[in-house]
Amino acid sequence: MSALANPLHSEMRLWSAAAGVSLLSFASVPAWSQTMQPSQPQQKSVIIQVAPAPAVPPPPAVLTPAPMAQQAPPAVPAERENPGLFNEIGKMFKTPPSLTPTWSWPPLGTTSLNTVVKGRVLCPVAANGAPDCKAASDRLCQSKGYKEGKSLDTDASLICSPKVMIPGRKQEEGDCRTDNYVTQAVCQ
């Protein structure tokens, strides 16, 4: 069995050596580029500037450096806009929009400033069954010394009779009601 293994082993060595030599031969071949390069020749421009001769030659003892030819600065390509989320966010930081509203203050000496007051006044039920919170905001402002007001914030609570707490008793239609309150108002 070992006699058969040796010829196979030596044959495998021979094949691996041949594969190595072929790989080395391919290593010396120049590789192709993955991107296509334009075949246009690059154009180079040279600017030559001739300085006019001076009218009076300088004295020979003083040496002046020869004027160097000035080259034009390289042209800066126009910045191409890159569409996308980060570009739009960058635009927003360059020219930030006004996020705060502009306030107009009344002239000094006028008493028409609006004031926000806090409290808790029950909204009465109107004839149609809806809460009348305008009347409640007026009462809240009048309690603070103002003439009238508009509600800014309201609150609601469910008020039930104690009969609802009796175990085994079914709740009837008139056992609970919702009360609305004005908690903040703008007064004038």
Protein backbone atom coordinates (compact mmCIF):
# COMPACT_ATOMS: atom_id res chain seq x y z
CA MET A 1 0.00 0.00 0.00
CA SER A 2 2.85 2.39 0.81
CA ALA A 3 4.40 1.60 -2.59
CA LEU A 4 1.25 2.91 -4.27
CA ALA A 5 1.09 5.96 -2.05
CA ASN A 6 4.59 7.14 -2.95
CA PRO A 7 4.01 7.32 -6.74
CA LEU A 8 0.73 9.21 -6.13
CA HIS A 9 2.45 11.46 -3.66
CA SER A 10 5.27 12.26 -6.09
CA GLU A 11 2.75 12.82 -8.92
CA MET A 12 0.87 15.32 -6.74
CA ARG A 13 4.14 17.11 -6.04
CA LEU A 14 4.80 17.30 -9.75
CA TRP A 15 1.36 18.82 -10.45
CA SER A 16 1.68 21.35 -7.65
CA ALA A 17 5.11 22.40 -8.91
CA ALA A 18 3.71 22.84 -12.43
CA ALA A 19 0.85 24.95 -11.06
CA GLY A 20 3.32 27.14 -9.15
CA VAL A 21 5.47 27.72 -12.24
CA SER A 22 2.40 28.67 -14.29
CA LEU A 23 1.29 31.14 -11.62
CA LEU A 24 4.72 32.72 -11.61
CA SER A 25 4.57 33.15 -15.37
CA PHE A 26 1.25 34.99 -15.05
CA ALA A 27 2.62 37.22 -12.30
CA SER A 28 4.92 38.97 -14.76
CA VAL A 29 2.04 39.92 -17.13
CA PRO A 30 0.84 43.53 -16.57
CA ALA A 31 -2.64 43.74 -15.08
CA TRP A 32 -5.59 45.48 -16.72
CA SER A 33 -7.10 48.49 -15.03
CA GLN A 34 -10.66 48.14 -13.72
CA THR A 35 -11.68 51.60 -14.88
CA MET A 36 -11.47 52.79 -18.44
CA GLN A 37 -9.04 55.64 -18.83
CA PRO A 38 -9.89 58.27 -21.46
CA SER A 39 -7.61 57.98 -24.45
CA GLN A 40 -7.45 61.75 -24.96
CA PRO A 41 -3.97 63.17 -24.60
CA GLN A 42 -3.55 65.66 -21.82
CA GLN A 43 -3.00 69.18 -23.01
CA LYS A 44 -0.47 71.29 -21.20
CA SER A 45 -0.24 75.00 -21.65
CA VAL A 46 2.79 77.16 -21.09
CA ILE A 47 2.46 80.90 -20.61
CA ILE A 48 5.49 82.96 -21.54
CA GLN A 49 5.56 86.57 -20.47
CA VAL A 50 8.15 88.92 -21.84
CA ALA A 51 9.11 91.83 -19.63
CA PRO A 52 9.79 95.17 -21.34
CA ALA A 53 13.36 96.39 -21.33
CA PRO A 54 14.05 99.10 -18.72
CA ALA A 55 14.66 102.61 -20.10
CA VAL A 56 17.73 103.27 -17.91
CA PRO A 57 20.05 100.36 -17.18
CA PRO A 58 20.81 99.90 -13.48
CA PRO A 59 24.33 100.50 -12.22
CA PRO A 60 26.54 97.39 -12.60
CA ALA A 61 27.28 97.09 -8.86
CA VAL A 62 23.62 96.49 -8.00
CA LEU A 63 22.24 93.11 -8.97
CA THR A 64 18.52 92.75 -9.45
CA PRO A 65 16.82 89.39 -9.73
CA ALA A 66 15.38 88.56 -13.10
CA PRO A 67 11.58 88.72 -13.19
CA MET A 68 10.04 85.26 -13.13
CA ALA A 69 7.31 84.31 -15.49
CA GLN A 70 4.01 84.38 -13.65
CA GLN A 71 1.80 81.43 -14.14
CA ALA A 72 -1.96 81.66 -13.98
CA PRO A 73 -3.45 79.89 -10.96
CA PRO A 74 -5.00 76.53 -11.83
CA ALA A 75 -8.67 76.78 -12.68
CA VAL A 76 -10.86 75.56 -9.85
CA PRO A 77 -13.61 73.30 -11.17
CA ALA A 78 -17.12 74.38 -10.28
CA GLU A 79 -18.42 72.57 -7.22
CA ARG A 80 -20.85 69.94 -8.36
CA GLU A 81 -23.98 69.62 -6.25
CA ASN A 82 -24.31 66.24 -4.61
CA PRO A 83 -27.98 65.39 -4.12
CA GLY A 84 -28.88 63.57 -0.95
CA LEU A 85 -29.82 63.88 2.69
CA PHE A 86 -26.45 65.11 3.95
CA ASN A 87 -26.29 67.77 1.23
CA GLU A 88 -29.73 69.09 2.20
CA ILE A 89 -28.76 69.17 5.89
CA GLY A 90 -25.58 71.04 4.94
CA LYS A 91 -27.64 73.62 3.03
CA MET A 92 -29.83 74.09 6.09
CA PHE A 93 -26.79 74.88 8.27
CA LYS A 94 -25.37 77.30 5.68
CA THR A 95 -28.59 79.35 5.55
CA PRO A 96 -30.63 78.46 8.65
CA PRO A 97 -34.34 79.21 8.41
CA SER A 98 -35.96 81.27 11.10
CA LEU A 99 -37.46 78.79 13.53
CA THR A 100 -38.81 81.38 15.93
CA PRO A 101 -41.76 83.60 15.07
CA THR A 102 -41.26 87.32 14.95
CA TRP A 103 -42.98 89.07 17.82
CA SER A 104 -44.39 92.53 17.48
CA TRP A 105 -44.46 94.41 20.76
CA PRO A 106 -47.07 97.08 21.31
CA PRO A 107 -45.79 100.61 21.88
CA LEU A 108 -44.88 101.60 25.41
CA GLY A 109 -47.65 103.18 27.44
CA THR A 110 -50.49 101.07 26.06
CA THR A 111 -52.42 98.75 28.33
CA SER A 112 -53.49 96.24 25.69
CA LEU A 113 -50.93 93.60 26.72
CA ASN A 114 -52.35 90.09 26.95
CA THR A 115 -51.66 88.20 30.13
CA VAL A 116 -51.85 84.45 30.73
CA VAL A 117 -53.51 83.55 34.02
CA LYS A 118 -53.92 80.17 35.69
CA GLY A 119 -56.80 78.89 37.73
CA ARG A 120 -59.61 76.31 37.63
CA VAL A 121 -63.14 77.43 36.72
CA LEU A 122 -65.99 75.05 35.83
CA CYS A 123 -67.42 75.48 32.31
CA PRO A 124 -71.24 75.79 32.59
CA VAL A 125 -73.38 73.53 30.37
CA ALA A 126 -75.00 75.44 27.51
CA ALA A 127 -78.56 74.87 26.23
CA ASN A 128 -77.33 72.41 23.60
CA GLY A 129 -75.51 70.27 26.22
CA ALA A 130 -71.96 71.38 25.26
CA PRO A 131 -69.67 73.08 27.79
CA ASP A 132 -69.49 76.90 27.51
CA CYS A 133 -65.81 77.50 28.23
CA LYS A 134 -65.87 81.10 26.95
CA ALA A 135 -67.98 82.09 29.95
CA ALA A 136 -65.59 80.19 32.24
CA SER A 137 -62.52 81.91 30.77
CA ASP A 138 -64.24 85.29 31.21
CA ARG A 139 -64.94 84.46 34.87
CA LEU A 140 -61.33 83.34 35.41
CA CYS A 141 -59.99 86.60 33.95
CA GLN A 142 -62.49 88.71 35.91
CA SER A 143 -61.37 87.02 39.13
CA LYS A 144 -57.81 88.21 38.37
CA GLY A 145 -58.91 91.80 37.61
CA TYR A 146 -59.21 91.68 33.81
CA LYS A 147 -62.21 92.32 31.56
CA GLU A 148 -62.46 89.17 29.41
CA GLY A 149 -60.40 86.21 28.20
CA LYS A 150 -59.97 83.27 25.89
CA SER A 151 -59.26 79.77 27.11
CA LEU A 152 -55.78 78.33 26.48
CA ASP A 153 -56.00 75.04 28.36
CA THR A 154 -58.90 72.96 29.60
CA ASP A 155 -59.28 69.90 31.77
CA ALA A 156 -62.07 67.33 32.05
CA SER A 157 -63.07 64.99 34.84
CA LEU A 158 -65.68 62.26 35.19
CA ILE A 159 -67.95 62.77 38.23
CA CYS A 160 -70.04 59.77 39.33
CA SER A 161 -72.60 59.33 42.11
CA PRO A 162 -71.73 56.99 45.00
CA LYS A 163 -74.37 54.50 43.76
CA VAL A 164 -71.92 53.40 41.06
CA MET A 165 -69.68 51.87 43.76
CA ILE A 166 -72.36 49.45 45.04
CA PRO A 167 -71.34 45.91 44.03
CA GLY A 168 -73.75 44.11 41.70
CA ARG A 169 -75.61 47.28 40.72
CA LYS A 170 -75.79 48.12 37.00
CA GLN A 171 -74.72 51.60 36.01
CA GLU A 172 -77.55 53.81 34.71
CA GLU A 173 -77.36 56.65 32.21
CA GLY A 174 -77.51 59.57 34.69
CA ASP A 175 -75.04 58.16 37.25
CA CYS A 176 -71.93 59.90 35.77
CA ARG A 177 -71.26 63.23 34.06
CA THR A 178 -68.20 64.92 32.56
CA ASP A 179 -67.22 68.31 33.97
CA ASN A 180 -64.96 70.61 31.92
CA TYR A 181 -62.69 73.24 33.50
CA VAL A 182 -60.68 76.16 32.13
CA THR A 183 -57.19 75.99 33.67
CA GLN A 184 -55.39 78.72 31.65
CA ALA A 185 -56.71 81.76 29.85
CA VAL A 186 -55.37 84.79 27.97
CA CYS A 187 -56.85 87.89 29.55
CA GLN A 188 -57.25 91.45 28.23
